[in-house]
């Protein structure tokens, strides 16, 4: 399902974001939301596809956290996709795999 159409307020560890990549990534890229305790938020994104598989891509800031549970706010991801996560693909083209 498209991230923009996702009806829940938060995303949990294990969520995968699939989107169109550009060099140095492949044409299709998957990032997974993982628990990463050594960060402000406790969350990070790892690439889990292609040549970059297993590489830490970004540690998320505390502003990304949900207020009532240990999860990341969908609204924050939508608003900050191109600033924090990946600039080369519009958030409207991101698929979320739960």
C-alpha atoms as a PDB file:
ATOM      1  CA  UNK A   1       0.000   0.000   0.000  1.00  0.00           C
ATOM      2  CA  UNK A   2       1.157   3.552  -0.612  1.00  0.00           C
ATOM      3  CA  UNK A   3       2.493   5.274   2.480  1.00  0.00           C
ATOM      4  CA  UNK A   4       0.244   8.255   1.716  1.00  0.00           C
ATOM      5  CA  UNK A   5      -2.808   5.954   1.941  1.00  0.00           C
ATOM      6  CA  UNK A   6      -1.773   4.241   5.178  1.00  0.00           C
ATOM      7  CA  UNK A   7      -4.538   4.797   7.735  1.00  0.00           C
ATOM      8  CA  UNK A   8      -2.693   4.146  11.010  1.00  0.00           C
ATOM      9  CA  UNK A   9      -0.892   6.914  12.935  1.00  0.00           C
ATOM     10  CA  UNK A  10       2.339   5.044  13.652  1.00  0.00           C
ATOM     11  CA  UNK A  11       4.798   2.619  12.095  1.00  0.00           C
ATOM     12  CA  UNK A  12       6.477  -0.122  14.094  1.00  0.00           C
ATOM     13  CA  UNK A  13       9.835  -1.853  13.964  1.00  0.00           C
ATOM     14  CA  UNK A  14      10.007  -4.142  10.938  1.00  0.00           C
ATOM     15  CA  UNK A  15       8.063  -1.840   8.611  1.00  0.00           C
ATOM     16  CA  UNK A  16       9.574  -1.765   5.116  1.00  0.00           C
ATOM     17  CA  UNK A  17       9.560   1.259   2.820  1.00  0.00           C
ATOM     18  CA  UNK A  18       9.878   0.389  -0.893  1.00  0.00           C
ATOM     19  CA  UNK A  19      10.631   3.142  -3.383  1.00  0.00           C
ATOM     20  CA  UNK A  20      12.357   3.991  -6.661  1.00  0.00           C
ATOM     21  CA  UNK A  21      16.084   4.379  -6.270  1.00  0.00           C
ATOM     22  CA  UNK A  22      18.792   6.157  -8.198  1.00  0.00           C
ATOM     23  CA  UNK A  23      22.543   5.588  -8.292  1.00  0.00           C
ATOM     24  CA  UNK A  24      24.213   4.324  -6.174  1.00  0.00           C
ATOM     25  CA  UNK A  25      21.065   2.302  -5.345  1.00  0.00           C
ATOM     26  CA  UNK A  26      19.186  -0.067  -7.619  1.00  0.00           C
ATOM     27  CA  UNK A  27      15.920   0.813  -9.405  1.00  0.00           C
ATOM     28  CA  UNK A  28      13.915  -0.491  -6.446  1.00  0.00           C
ATOM     29  CA  UNK A  29      15.107   0.010  -2.867  1.00  0.00           C
ATOM     30  CA  UNK A  30      13.835  -1.322   0.464  1.00  0.00           C
ATOM     31  CA  UNK A  31      14.566   0.383   3.790  1.00  0.00           C
ATOM     32  CA  UNK A  32      13.510  -1.293   7.047  1.00  0.00           C
ATOM     33  CA  UNK A  33      12.585   0.519  10.253  1.00  0.00           C
ATOM     34  CA  UNK A  34      14.639  -1.026  13.054  1.00  0.00           C
ATOM     35  CA  UNK A  35      15.154  -0.550  16.766  1.00  0.00           C
ATOM     36  CA  UNK A  36      18.449   1.305  17.264  1.00  0.00           C
ATOM     37  CA  UNK A  37      18.897   2.172  20.954  1.00  0.00           C
ATOM     38  CA  UNK A  38      21.929   4.457  20.562  1.00  0.00           C
ATOM     39  CA  UNK A  39      19.900   7.247  18.938  1.00  0.00           C
ATOM     40  CA  UNK A  40      17.589  10.027  20.161  1.00  0.00           C
ATOM     41  CA  UNK A  41      14.506   8.212  18.900  1.00  0.00           C
ATOM     42  CA  UNK A  42      15.631   4.635  19.322  1.00  0.00           C
ATOM     43  CA  UNK A  43      14.934   4.014  15.607  1.00  0.00           C
ATOM     44  CA  UNK A  44      16.940   3.878  12.405  1.00  0.00           C
ATOM     45  CA  UNK A  45      16.504   2.802   8.799  1.00  0.00           C
ATOM     46  CA  UNK A  46      18.624   0.095   7.220  1.00  0.00           C
ATOM     47  CA  UNK A  47      18.776  -0.742   3.536  1.00  0.00           C
ATOM     48  CA  UNK A  48      17.699  -4.372   3.101  1.00  0.00           C
ATOM     49  CA  UNK A  49      17.971  -4.720  -0.683  1.00  0.00           C
ATOM     50  CA  UNK A  50      20.611  -4.780  -3.394  1.00  0.00           C
ATOM     51  CA  UNK A  51      24.246  -3.838  -3.093  1.00  0.00           C
ATOM     52  CA  UNK A  52      23.661  -1.651  -0.012  1.00  0.00           C
ATOM     53  CA  UNK A  53      21.890  -4.427   1.917  1.00  0.00           C
ATOM     54  CA  UNK A  54      22.771  -4.248   5.620  1.00  0.00           C
ATOM     55  CA  UNK A  55      23.915  -0.617   5.524  1.00  0.00           C
ATOM     56  CA  UNK A  56      22.661   1.869   8.105  1.00  0.00           C
ATOM     57  CA  UNK A  57      21.049   4.703   6.143  1.00  0.00           C
ATOM     58  CA  UNK A  58      19.723   7.125   8.754  1.00  0.00           C
ATOM     59  CA  UNK A  59      19.143   7.413  12.496  1.00  0.00           C
ATOM     60  CA  UNK A  60      15.812   9.087  13.139  1.00  0.00           C
ATOM     61  CA  UNK A  61      15.471  12.111  15.466  1.00  0.00           C
ATOM     62  CA  UNK A  62      13.309  12.138  18.589  1.00  0.00           C
ATOM     63  CA  UNK A  63      10.698  14.231  16.734  1.00  0.00           C
ATOM     64  CA  UNK A  64       9.826  11.108  14.724  1.00  0.00           C
ATOM     65  CA  UNK A  65       8.583   9.252  17.810  1.00  0.00           C
ATOM     66  CA  UNK A  66       4.968   8.532  18.587  1.00  0.00           C
ATOM     67  CA  UNK A  67       3.712  10.077  21.816  1.00  0.00           C
ATOM     68  CA  UNK A  68       1.894   7.100  23.313  1.00  0.00           C
ATOM     69  CA  UNK A  69       3.845   4.067  22.072  1.00  0.00           C
ATOM     70  CA  UNK A  70       7.270   2.965  20.875  1.00  0.00           C
ATOM     71  CA  UNK A  71       6.789   3.685  17.195  1.00  0.00           C
ATOM     72  CA  UNK A  72       7.438   6.292  14.495  1.00  0.00           C
ATOM     73  CA  UNK A  73       4.759   8.791  13.462  1.00  0.00           C
ATOM     74  CA  UNK A  74       3.423   8.332   9.925  1.00  0.00           C
ATOM     75  CA  UNK A  75       2.845  12.085   9.727  1.00  0.00           C
ATOM     76  CA  UNK A  76       6.511  12.742  10.516  1.00  0.00           C
ATOM     77  CA  UNK A  77       7.678  10.329   7.801  1.00  0.00           C
ATOM     78  CA  UNK A  78       5.337  11.909   5.242  1.00  0.00           C
ATOM     79  CA  UNK A  79       6.510  15.425   6.095  1.00  0.00           C
ATOM     80  CA  UNK A  80      10.212  14.564   6.321  1.00  0.00           C
ATOM     81  CA  UNK A  81      10.751  11.841   3.702  1.00  0.00           C
ATOM     82  CA  UNK A  82      12.815  14.005   1.358  1.00  0.00           C
ATOM     83  CA  UNK A  83      14.665  15.834   4.133  1.00  0.00           C
ATOM     84  CA  UNK A  84      15.618  12.900   6.360  1.00  0.00           C
ATOM     85  CA  UNK A  85      15.161   9.658   4.457  1.00  0.00           C
ATOM     86  CA  UNK A  86      15.576   9.840   0.676  1.00  0.00           C
ATOM     87  CA  UNK A  87      15.640  12.911  -1.573  1.00  0.00           C
ATOM     88  CA  UNK A  88      15.468  11.229  -4.967  1.00  0.00           C
ATOM     89  CA  UNK A  89      11.945   9.786  -4.732  1.00  0.00           C
ATOM     90  CA  UNK A  90       8.773  11.695  -3.848  1.00  0.00           C
ATOM     91  CA  UNK A  91       6.940  10.419  -0.772  1.00  0.00           C
ATOM     92  CA  UNK A  92       3.841   9.867  -2.930  1.00  0.00           C
ATOM     93  CA  UNK A  93       5.683   6.989  -4.648  1.00  0.00           C
ATOM     94  CA  UNK A  94       6.684   5.191  -1.418  1.00  0.00           C
ATOM     95  CA  UNK A  95       5.064   1.853  -0.656  1.00  0.00           C
ATOM     96  CA  UNK A  96       4.868   0.616   2.919  1.00  0.00           C
ATOM     97  CA  UNK A  97       5.004  -3.096   3.728  1.00  0.00           C
ATOM     98  CA  UNK A  98       3.788  -3.936   7.212  1.00  0.00           C
END
